[in-house]
């Protein structure tokens, strides 16, 4: 299965080929290097977390991996190979829904019982300024995200759910990435969001959205939860209660790294 699209930050055309994984975990390979084995992803590969999660893979990098990884982990997939022809995953419509549809097209194979992550025995809390993420021991995977923005169109939002493939597909996957009109010029000057457009990202202009309607009244916080799932997928979804308040890719991937350390 292949999908082509524009990279959010590079603005370049990107192709991603999704294939069954021969071993546990998510691996990335390069279409122009078919003889090189794909590399297993883990949090130690995180290189940049400005507006996306970017990984360093040897002499190359791959950016904006979170939506695809969220779709894989959120639908219950535990191993797959991702083959790329550029250094960014296509943004598509800015949500995980096109990737869910691509996974359905490719089909899924039941490989039997999977090896679960070790149970979380002690809480993990990470803070950056007024933002934090926390993981608490739990008998099931419970996810909560809360956001707080001065823009009236967003304001304060909170969303929580027990994660199942069905809940992910219907309640999280359709939520699109979002940004702010007054930040566009600054981000473009920094070499970011070159591929951003009104058909692949929600744009907030204070009290209004430039491209309504929203798919959910609280679509922004649902997308934050999508990002959290995608970043945790670098290590695997824990059996824990995870809370992100004003979360970021930096905090999400730091939590993934802390969980990974407890495995090793």
C-alpha atoms as a PDB file:
ATOM      1  CA  UNK A   1       0.000   0.000   0.000  1.00  0.00           C
ATOM      2  CA  UNK A   2       1.328   3.442  -0.939  1.00  0.00           C
ATOM      3  CA  UNK A   3       0.265   6.983  -0.197  1.00  0.00           C
ATOM      4  CA  UNK A   4       1.661  10.167  -1.710  1.00  0.00           C
ATOM      5  CA  UNK A   5       1.242  13.656  -0.356  1.00  0.00           C
ATOM      6  CA  UNK A   6       2.926  16.862   0.769  1.00  0.00           C
ATOM      7  CA  UNK A   7       5.212  17.101   3.770  1.00  0.00           C
ATOM      8  CA  UNK A   8       3.962  19.633   6.327  1.00  0.00           C
ATOM      9  CA  UNK A   9       7.310  21.296   6.907  1.00  0.00           C
ATOM     10  CA  UNK A  10       9.311  20.508   3.752  1.00  0.00           C
ATOM     11  CA  UNK A  11       6.462  21.287   1.353  1.00  0.00           C
ATOM     12  CA  UNK A  12       7.845  18.514  -0.858  1.00  0.00           C
ATOM     13  CA  UNK A  13       6.042  15.544  -2.385  1.00  0.00           C
ATOM     14  CA  UNK A  14       6.516  12.417  -0.271  1.00  0.00           C
ATOM     15  CA  UNK A  15       5.740   8.758  -0.811  1.00  0.00           C
ATOM     16  CA  UNK A  16       5.232   6.250   1.965  1.00  0.00           C
ATOM     17  CA  UNK A  17       4.906   2.516   1.384  1.00  0.00           C
ATOM     18  CA  UNK A  18       3.393   0.506   4.240  1.00  0.00           C
ATOM     19  CA  UNK A  19       4.375  -3.160   4.440  1.00  0.00           C
ATOM     20  CA  UNK A  20       3.909  -5.995   6.964  1.00  0.00           C
ATOM     21  CA  UNK A  21       6.626  -6.120   9.579  1.00  0.00           C
ATOM     22  CA  UNK A  22       8.847  -9.171   9.891  1.00  0.00           C
ATOM     23  CA  UNK A  23       9.519  -8.486  13.579  1.00  0.00           C
ATOM     24  CA  UNK A  24       7.953  -6.627  16.475  1.00  0.00           C
ATOM     25  CA  UNK A  25       7.965  -2.835  16.405  1.00  0.00           C
ATOM     26  CA  UNK A  26       7.831  -0.169  13.719  1.00  0.00           C
ATOM     27  CA  UNK A  27      10.724   0.108  11.298  1.00  0.00           C
ATOM     28  CA  UNK A  28      11.673   2.695   8.659  1.00  0.00           C
ATOM     29  CA  UNK A  29      13.462   1.941   5.424  1.00  0.00           C
ATOM     30  CA  UNK A  30      14.330   3.965   2.327  1.00  0.00           C
ATOM     31  CA  UNK A  31      12.842   3.167  -1.054  1.00  0.00           C
ATOM     32  CA  UNK A  32      16.120   4.063  -2.805  1.00  0.00           C
ATOM     33  CA  UNK A  33      18.025   1.669  -0.494  1.00  0.00           C
ATOM     34  CA  UNK A  34      15.955  -1.501  -0.796  1.00  0.00           C
ATOM     35  CA  UNK A  35      18.810  -3.749   0.348  1.00  0.00           C
ATOM     36  CA  UNK A  36      19.342  -1.902   3.635  1.00  0.00           C
ATOM     37  CA  UNK A  37      17.327  -3.416   6.500  1.00  0.00           C
ATOM     38  CA  UNK A  38      14.744  -1.017   7.920  1.00  0.00           C
ATOM     39  CA  UNK A  39      15.660   0.535  11.263  1.00  0.00           C
ATOM     40  CA  UNK A  40      13.656  -0.122  14.413  1.00  0.00           C
ATOM     41  CA  UNK A  41      12.182   3.046  15.887  1.00  0.00           C
ATOM     42  CA  UNK A  42      12.618   3.964  19.533  1.00  0.00           C
ATOM     43  CA  UNK A  43      12.660   7.219  21.541  1.00  0.00           C
ATOM     44  CA  UNK A  44      16.458   7.525  21.445  1.00  0.00           C
ATOM     45  CA  UNK A  45      16.160   8.482  17.761  1.00  0.00           C
ATOM     46  CA  UNK A  46      14.202  11.685  18.453  1.00  0.00           C
ATOM     47  CA  UNK A  47      16.129  14.640  17.038  1.00  0.00           C
ATOM     48  CA  UNK A  48      13.641  17.500  16.924  1.00  0.00           C
ATOM     49  CA  UNK A  49      10.216  18.154  18.443  1.00  0.00           C
ATOM     50  CA  UNK A  50       9.321  21.572  16.998  1.00  0.00           C
ATOM     51  CA  UNK A  51       5.727  21.236  15.757  1.00  0.00           C
ATOM     52  CA  UNK A  52       6.268  17.541  14.944  1.00  0.00           C
ATOM     53  CA  UNK A  53       8.369  14.548  15.950  1.00  0.00           C
ATOM     54  CA  UNK A  54      11.479  14.136  13.814  1.00  0.00           C
ATOM     55  CA  UNK A  55      13.851  11.186  14.087  1.00  0.00           C
ATOM     56  CA  UNK A  56      17.506  10.776  13.105  1.00  0.00           C
ATOM     57  CA  UNK A  57      18.113   7.510  11.237  1.00  0.00           C
ATOM     58  CA  UNK A  58      21.801   7.251  10.454  1.00  0.00           C
ATOM     59  CA  UNK A  59      22.652   9.819   7.775  1.00  0.00           C
ATOM     60  CA  UNK A  60      18.991  10.727   7.230  1.00  0.00           C
ATOM     61  CA  UNK A  61      16.053  11.958   9.218  1.00  0.00           C
ATOM     62  CA  UNK A  62      12.319  11.452   8.995  1.00  0.00           C
ATOM     63  CA  UNK A  63       9.883  14.099  10.226  1.00  0.00           C
ATOM     64  CA  UNK A  64       6.190  14.204  11.131  1.00  0.00           C
ATOM     65  CA  UNK A  65       5.935  10.528  12.013  1.00  0.00           C
ATOM     66  CA  UNK A  66       3.323  10.945  14.754  1.00  0.00           C
ATOM     67  CA  UNK A  67       0.057  10.757  12.777  1.00  0.00           C
ATOM     68  CA  UNK A  68       0.997   7.531  11.009  1.00  0.00           C
ATOM     69  CA  UNK A  69       2.387   5.949  14.170  1.00  0.00           C
ATOM     70  CA  UNK A  70      -0.804   6.919  16.009  1.00  0.00           C
ATOM     71  CA  UNK A  71      -2.893   5.222  13.326  1.00  0.00           C
ATOM     72  CA  UNK A  72      -0.816   2.050  13.592  1.00  0.00           C
ATOM     73  CA  UNK A  73      -0.759   1.861  17.381  1.00  0.00           C
ATOM     74  CA  UNK A  74      -4.319   3.129  17.754  1.00  0.00           C
ATOM     75  CA  UNK A  75      -5.716   0.363  15.537  1.00  0.00           C
ATOM     76  CA  UNK A  76      -3.800  -2.288  17.470  1.00  0.00           C
ATOM     77  CA  UNK A  77      -0.914  -2.891  15.054  1.00  0.00           C
ATOM     78  CA  UNK A  78       2.341  -3.746  16.802  1.00  0.00           C
ATOM     79  CA  UNK A  79       4.699  -4.271  13.864  1.00  0.00           C
ATOM     80  CA  UNK A  80       5.026  -2.753  10.395  1.00  0.00           C
ATOM     81  CA  UNK A  81       7.605  -1.460   7.943  1.00  0.00           C
ATOM     82  CA  UNK A  82       7.430   2.113   6.650  1.00  0.00           C
ATOM     83  CA  UNK A  83       9.366   2.762   3.422  1.00  0.00           C
ATOM     84  CA  UNK A  84       9.971   6.377   2.397  1.00  0.00           C
ATOM     85  CA  UNK A  85      11.359   8.251  -0.586  1.00  0.00           C
ATOM     86  CA  UNK A  86      11.894  11.521   1.330  1.00  0.00           C
ATOM     87  CA  UNK A  87      12.604  12.734   4.834  1.00  0.00           C
ATOM     88  CA  UNK A  88       9.014  13.454   5.834  1.00  0.00           C
ATOM     89  CA  UNK A  89       5.825  11.430   6.142  1.00  0.00           C
ATOM     90  CA  UNK A  90       2.988  12.812   3.951  1.00  0.00           C
ATOM     91  CA  UNK A  91       0.603  15.010   5.936  1.00  0.00           C
ATOM     92  CA  UNK A  92      -2.480  14.036   3.886  1.00  0.00           C
ATOM     93  CA  UNK A  93      -5.477  15.803   5.501  1.00  0.00           C
ATOM     94  CA  UNK A  94      -3.676  16.549   8.787  1.00  0.00           C
ATOM     95  CA  UNK A  95      -5.347  13.767  10.759  1.00  0.00           C
ATOM     96  CA  UNK A  96      -4.775  10.029  11.185  1.00  0.00           C
ATOM     97  CA  UNK A  97      -7.956   9.056   9.343  1.00  0.00           C
ATOM     98  CA  UNK A  98      -6.364   8.628   5.878  1.00  0.00           C
ATOM     99  CA  UNK A  99      -3.764   6.355   7.475  1.00  0.00           C
ATOM    100  CA  UNK A 100      -6.508   4.308   9.150  1.00  0.00           C
ATOM    101  CA  UNK A 101      -8.118   3.925   5.731  1.00  0.00           C
ATOM    102  CA  UNK A 102      -4.761   2.924   4.222  1.00  0.00           C
ATOM    103  CA  UNK A 103      -4.259   0.303   6.934  1.00  0.00           C
ATOM    104  CA  UNK A 104      -7.725  -1.090   6.207  1.00  0.00           C
ATOM    105  CA  UNK A 105      -6.808  -1.255   2.513  1.00  0.00           C
ATOM    106  CA  UNK A 106      -3.540  -3.056   3.227  1.00  0.00           C
ATOM    107  CA  UNK A 107      -5.197  -5.451   5.672  1.00  0.00           C
ATOM    108  CA  UNK A 108      -4.073  -6.702   9.065  1.00  0.00           C
ATOM    109  CA  UNK A 109      -2.704 -10.064  10.113  1.00  0.00           C
ATOM    110  CA  UNK A 110      -3.259 -11.633  13.517  1.00  0.00           C
ATOM    111  CA  UNK A 111       0.145 -12.744  14.763  1.00  0.00           C
ATOM    112  CA  UNK A 112      -1.197 -14.149  18.019  1.00  0.00           C
ATOM    113  CA  UNK A 113      -0.714 -12.844  21.546  1.00  0.00           C
ATOM    114  CA  UNK A 114       1.766  -9.992  21.698  1.00  0.00           C
ATOM    115  CA  UNK A 115       4.395  -9.447  24.358  1.00  0.00           C
ATOM    116  CA  UNK A 116       2.989  -6.635  26.503  1.00  0.00           C
ATOM    117  CA  UNK A 117       5.087  -3.860  27.940  1.00  0.00           C
ATOM    118  CA  UNK A 118       6.166  -4.493  31.536  1.00  0.00           C
ATOM    119  CA  UNK A 119       3.508  -3.143  33.914  1.00  0.00           C
ATOM    120  CA  UNK A 120       4.137   0.346  35.226  1.00  0.00           C
ATOM    121  CA  UNK A 121       4.863   0.002  38.936  1.00  0.00           C
ATOM    122  CA  UNK A 122       5.647   3.610  39.861  1.00  0.00           C
ATOM    123  CA  UNK A 123       4.245   6.906  38.581  1.00  0.00           C
ATOM    124  CA  UNK A 124       6.248   8.907  36.052  1.00  0.00           C
ATOM    125  CA  UNK A 125       5.798  12.686  35.951  1.00  0.00           C
ATOM    126  CA  UNK A 126       7.634  15.089  33.648  1.00  0.00           C
ATOM    127  CA  UNK A 127       7.210  18.857  33.633  1.00  0.00           C
ATOM    128  CA  UNK A 128       8.269  21.718  31.381  1.00  0.00           C
ATOM    129  CA  UNK A 129       7.151  25.120  32.591  1.00  0.00           C
ATOM    130  CA  UNK A 130       3.390  25.001  33.114  1.00  0.00           C
ATOM    131  CA  UNK A 131       3.037  21.823  31.050  1.00  0.00           C
ATOM    132  CA  UNK A 132       3.317  18.246  32.261  1.00  0.00           C
ATOM    133  CA  UNK A 133       2.758  14.616  31.342  1.00  0.00           C
ATOM    134  CA  UNK A 134       2.172  11.837  33.834  1.00  0.00           C
ATOM    135  CA  UNK A 135       1.789   8.073  33.636  1.00  0.00           C
ATOM    136  CA  UNK A 136       0.224   6.210  36.548  1.00  0.00           C
ATOM    137  CA  UNK A 137      -0.143   2.451  37.125  1.00  0.00           C
ATOM    138  CA  UNK A 138      -3.476   1.184  35.812  1.00  0.00           C
ATOM    139  CA  UNK A 139      -5.208  -2.023  34.788  1.00  0.00           C
ATOM    140  CA  UNK A 140      -6.021  -0.546  31.351  1.00  0.00           C
ATOM    141  CA  UNK A 141      -4.835   2.170  29.000  1.00  0.00           C
ATOM    142  CA  UNK A 142      -6.607   5.402  29.896  1.00  0.00           C
ATOM    143  CA  UNK A 143      -5.647   8.609  28.096  1.00  0.00           C
ATOM    144  CA  UNK A 144      -6.448  12.196  28.975  1.00  0.00           C
ATOM    145  CA  UNK A 145      -5.368  15.433  27.328  1.00  0.00           C
ATOM    146  CA  UNK A 146      -6.091  18.991  28.406  1.00  0.00           C
ATOM    147  CA  UNK A 147      -5.198  22.184  26.555  1.00  0.00           C
ATOM    148  CA  UNK A 148      -5.461  25.869  27.358  1.00  0.00           C
ATOM    149  CA  UNK A 149      -5.104  28.632  24.770  1.00  0.00           C
ATOM    150  CA  UNK A 150      -5.906  32.355  24.970  1.00  0.00           C
ATOM    151  CA  UNK A 151      -7.656  32.197  21.591  1.00  0.00           C
ATOM    152  CA  UNK A 152     -11.406  32.161  22.226  1.00  0.00           C
ATOM    153  CA  UNK A 153     -12.032  29.644  19.442  1.00  0.00           C
ATOM    154  CA  UNK A 154     -10.108  27.058  21.504  1.00  0.00           C
ATOM    155  CA  UNK A 155      -9.938  28.144  25.139  1.00  0.00           C
ATOM    156  CA  UNK A 156      -9.811  25.284  27.639  1.00  0.00           C
ATOM    157  CA  UNK A 157     -10.589  21.770  26.454  1.00  0.00           C
ATOM    158  CA  UNK A 158     -10.296  18.314  28.029  1.00  0.00           C
ATOM    159  CA  UNK A 159     -10.857  14.898  26.514  1.00  0.00           C
ATOM    160  CA  UNK A 160     -10.448  11.452  28.060  1.00  0.00           C
ATOM    161  CA  UNK A 161     -11.066   7.897  26.918  1.00  0.00           C
ATOM    162  CA  UNK A 162     -10.150   4.270  27.436  1.00  0.00           C
ATOM    163  CA  UNK A 163      -8.230   3.485  24.275  1.00  0.00           C
ATOM    164  CA  UNK A 164      -9.528   0.717  22.019  1.00  0.00           C
ATOM    165  CA  UNK A 165      -9.200   0.451  18.227  1.00  0.00           C
ATOM    166  CA  UNK A 166     -12.887   1.348  17.861  1.00  0.00           C
ATOM    167  CA  UNK A 167     -12.566   4.409  20.103  1.00  0.00           C
ATOM    168  CA  UNK A 168      -9.436   5.524  18.272  1.00  0.00           C
ATOM    169  CA  UNK A 169     -10.993   5.272  14.811  1.00  0.00           C
ATOM    170  CA  UNK A 170     -14.221   7.082  15.692  1.00  0.00           C
ATOM    171  CA  UNK A 171     -13.118   9.591  18.320  1.00  0.00           C
ATOM    172  CA  UNK A 172      -9.443  10.399  17.733  1.00  0.00           C
ATOM    173  CA  UNK A 173      -8.284   9.557  14.195  1.00  0.00           C
ATOM    174  CA  UNK A 174     -10.385  12.222  12.372  1.00  0.00           C
ATOM    175  CA  UNK A 175      -9.006  15.108  14.488  1.00  0.00           C
ATOM    176  CA  UNK A 176      -6.767  17.372  12.387  1.00  0.00           C
ATOM    177  CA  UNK A 177      -3.646  19.308  13.279  1.00  0.00           C
ATOM    178  CA  UNK A 178      -4.145  22.995  13.953  1.00  0.00           C
ATOM    179  CA  UNK A 179      -2.233  26.260  13.976  1.00  0.00           C
ATOM    180  CA  UNK A 180      -2.637  30.000  14.343  1.00  0.00           C
ATOM    181  CA  UNK A 181      -2.916  32.646  11.651  1.00  0.00           C
ATOM    182  CA  UNK A 182      -0.711  35.143  13.488  1.00  0.00           C
ATOM    183  CA  UNK A 183       2.168  32.625  13.645  1.00  0.00           C
ATOM    184  CA  UNK A 184       2.262  31.659   9.968  1.00  0.00           C
ATOM    185  CA  UNK A 185       4.854  34.216   8.793  1.00  0.00           C
ATOM    186  CA  UNK A 186       7.183  33.510  11.712  1.00  0.00           C
ATOM    187  CA  UNK A 187       7.052  29.755  11.141  1.00  0.00           C
ATOM    188  CA  UNK A 188       7.627  30.102   7.407  1.00  0.00           C
ATOM    189  CA  UNK A 189      10.654  32.301   8.120  1.00  0.00           C
ATOM    190  CA  UNK A 190      11.973  29.513  10.372  1.00  0.00           C
ATOM    191  CA  UNK A 191      11.707  27.045   7.477  1.00  0.00           C
ATOM    192  CA  UNK A 192       8.623  25.301   8.874  1.00  0.00           C
ATOM    193  CA  UNK A 193       5.043  24.572   7.627  1.00  0.00           C
ATOM    194  CA  UNK A 194       5.991  25.049   3.953  1.00  0.00           C
ATOM    195  CA  UNK A 195       3.370  22.434   3.085  1.00  0.00           C
ATOM    196  CA  UNK A 196       0.674  23.747   5.411  1.00  0.00           C
ATOM    197  CA  UNK A 197      -2.644  24.692   3.772  1.00  0.00           C
ATOM    198  CA  UNK A 198      -6.297  25.110   4.638  1.00  0.00           C
ATOM    199  CA  UNK A 199      -7.028  21.588   3.368  1.00  0.00           C
ATOM    200  CA  UNK A 200      -4.539  19.887   5.710  1.00  0.00           C
ATOM    201  CA  UNK A 201      -4.651  21.950   8.907  1.00  0.00           C
ATOM    202  CA  UNK A 202      -7.182  23.891  10.929  1.00  0.00           C
ATOM    203  CA  UNK A 203      -6.187  27.548  11.226  1.00  0.00           C
ATOM    204  CA  UNK A 204      -7.362  29.599  14.203  1.00  0.00           C
ATOM    205  CA  UNK A 205      -7.759  33.368  13.940  1.00  0.00           C
ATOM    206  CA  UNK A 206      -8.557  34.329  17.505  1.00  0.00           C
ATOM    207  CA  UNK A 207     -12.309  33.933  17.914  1.00  0.00           C
ATOM    208  CA  UNK A 208     -12.839  32.077  14.628  1.00  0.00           C
ATOM    209  CA  UNK A 209     -11.541  29.304  12.413  1.00  0.00           C
ATOM    210  CA  UNK A 210     -10.517  30.207   8.864  1.00  0.00           C
ATOM    211  CA  UNK A 211     -11.633  26.825   7.524  1.00  0.00           C
ATOM    212  CA  UNK A 212     -14.658  25.477   9.386  1.00  0.00           C
ATOM    213  CA  UNK A 213     -16.502  23.300  10.096  1.00  0.00           C
ATOM    214  CA  UNK A 214     -14.680  21.368  12.786  1.00  0.00           C
ATOM    215  CA  UNK A 215     -15.135  17.606  12.825  1.00  0.00           C
ATOM    216  CA  UNK A 216     -15.630  17.749  16.609  1.00  0.00           C
ATOM    217  CA  UNK A 217     -16.435  20.754  18.786  1.00  0.00           C
ATOM    218  CA  UNK A 218     -13.245  19.916  20.709  1.00  0.00           C
ATOM    219  CA  UNK A 219     -11.155  18.819  17.714  1.00  0.00           C
ATOM    220  CA  UNK A 220      -7.927  20.533  18.932  1.00  0.00           C
ATOM    221  CA  UNK A 221      -7.683  18.579  22.195  1.00  0.00           C
ATOM    222  CA  UNK A 222      -8.527  15.348  20.400  1.00  0.00           C
ATOM    223  CA  UNK A 223      -5.653  16.014  18.020  1.00  0.00           C
ATOM    224  CA  UNK A 224      -3.344  16.545  21.002  1.00  0.00           C
ATOM    225  CA  UNK A 225      -4.377  13.094  22.194  1.00  0.00           C
ATOM    226  CA  UNK A 226      -3.647  11.746  18.699  1.00  0.00           C
ATOM    227  CA  UNK A 227      -0.137  13.240  18.892  1.00  0.00           C
ATOM    228  CA  UNK A 228       0.374  11.691  22.337  1.00  0.00           C
ATOM    229  CA  UNK A 229      -0.558   8.238  21.014  1.00  0.00           C
ATOM    230  CA  UNK A 230       1.765   8.641  18.041  1.00  0.00           C
ATOM    231  CA  UNK A 231       4.708   9.680  20.180  1.00  0.00           C
ATOM    232  CA  UNK A 232       4.161   6.884  22.707  1.00  0.00           C
ATOM    233  CA  UNK A 233       4.080   4.439  19.781  1.00  0.00           C
ATOM    234  CA  UNK A 234       7.868   4.867  19.582  1.00  0.00           C
ATOM    235  CA  UNK A 235       8.061   2.549  22.590  1.00  0.00           C
ATOM    236  CA  UNK A 236       4.601   0.951  22.585  1.00  0.00           C
ATOM    237  CA  UNK A 237       1.382   1.859  24.341  1.00  0.00           C
ATOM    238  CA  UNK A 238       1.722   1.260  28.086  1.00  0.00           C
ATOM    239  CA  UNK A 239      -0.827  -0.242  30.418  1.00  0.00           C
ATOM    240  CA  UNK A 240      -1.163   2.982  32.337  1.00  0.00           C
ATOM    241  CA  UNK A 241      -3.265   6.042  32.948  1.00  0.00           C
ATOM    242  CA  UNK A 242      -1.572   8.794  30.943  1.00  0.00           C
ATOM    243  CA  UNK A 243      -2.381  12.479  31.333  1.00  0.00           C
ATOM    244  CA  UNK A 244      -0.963  15.355  29.269  1.00  0.00           C
ATOM    245  CA  UNK A 245      -1.688  18.949  30.300  1.00  0.00           C
ATOM    246  CA  UNK A 246      -0.675  21.418  27.607  1.00  0.00           C
ATOM    247  CA  UNK A 247       1.320  18.553  26.127  1.00  0.00           C
ATOM    248  CA  UNK A 248       4.007  18.844  23.467  1.00  0.00           C
ATOM    249  CA  UNK A 249       6.008  16.490  21.302  1.00  0.00           C
ATOM    250  CA  UNK A 250       8.974  17.175  23.584  1.00  0.00           C
ATOM    251  CA  UNK A 251       7.128  16.020  26.710  1.00  0.00           C
ATOM    252  CA  UNK A 252       5.405  13.127  24.928  1.00  0.00           C
ATOM    253  CA  UNK A 253       8.697  11.746  23.608  1.00  0.00           C
ATOM    254  CA  UNK A 254      10.393  12.278  26.975  1.00  0.00           C
ATOM    255  CA  UNK A 255       7.675  10.131  28.517  1.00  0.00           C
ATOM    256  CA  UNK A 256       8.225   7.526  25.811  1.00  0.00           C
ATOM    257  CA  UNK A 257      11.947   7.586  26.620  1.00  0.00           C
ATOM    258  CA  UNK A 258      11.240   7.108  30.340  1.00  0.00           C
ATOM    259  CA  UNK A 259       8.980   4.146  29.577  1.00  0.00           C
ATOM    260  CA  UNK A 260      11.635   2.713  27.236  1.00  0.00           C
ATOM    261  CA  UNK A 261      14.264   2.983  29.964  1.00  0.00           C
ATOM    262  CA  UNK A 262      12.098   0.915  32.300  1.00  0.00           C
ATOM    263  CA  UNK A 263      12.018  -1.855  29.673  1.00  0.00           C
ATOM    264  CA  UNK A 264      15.792  -2.094  29.375  1.00  0.00           C
END
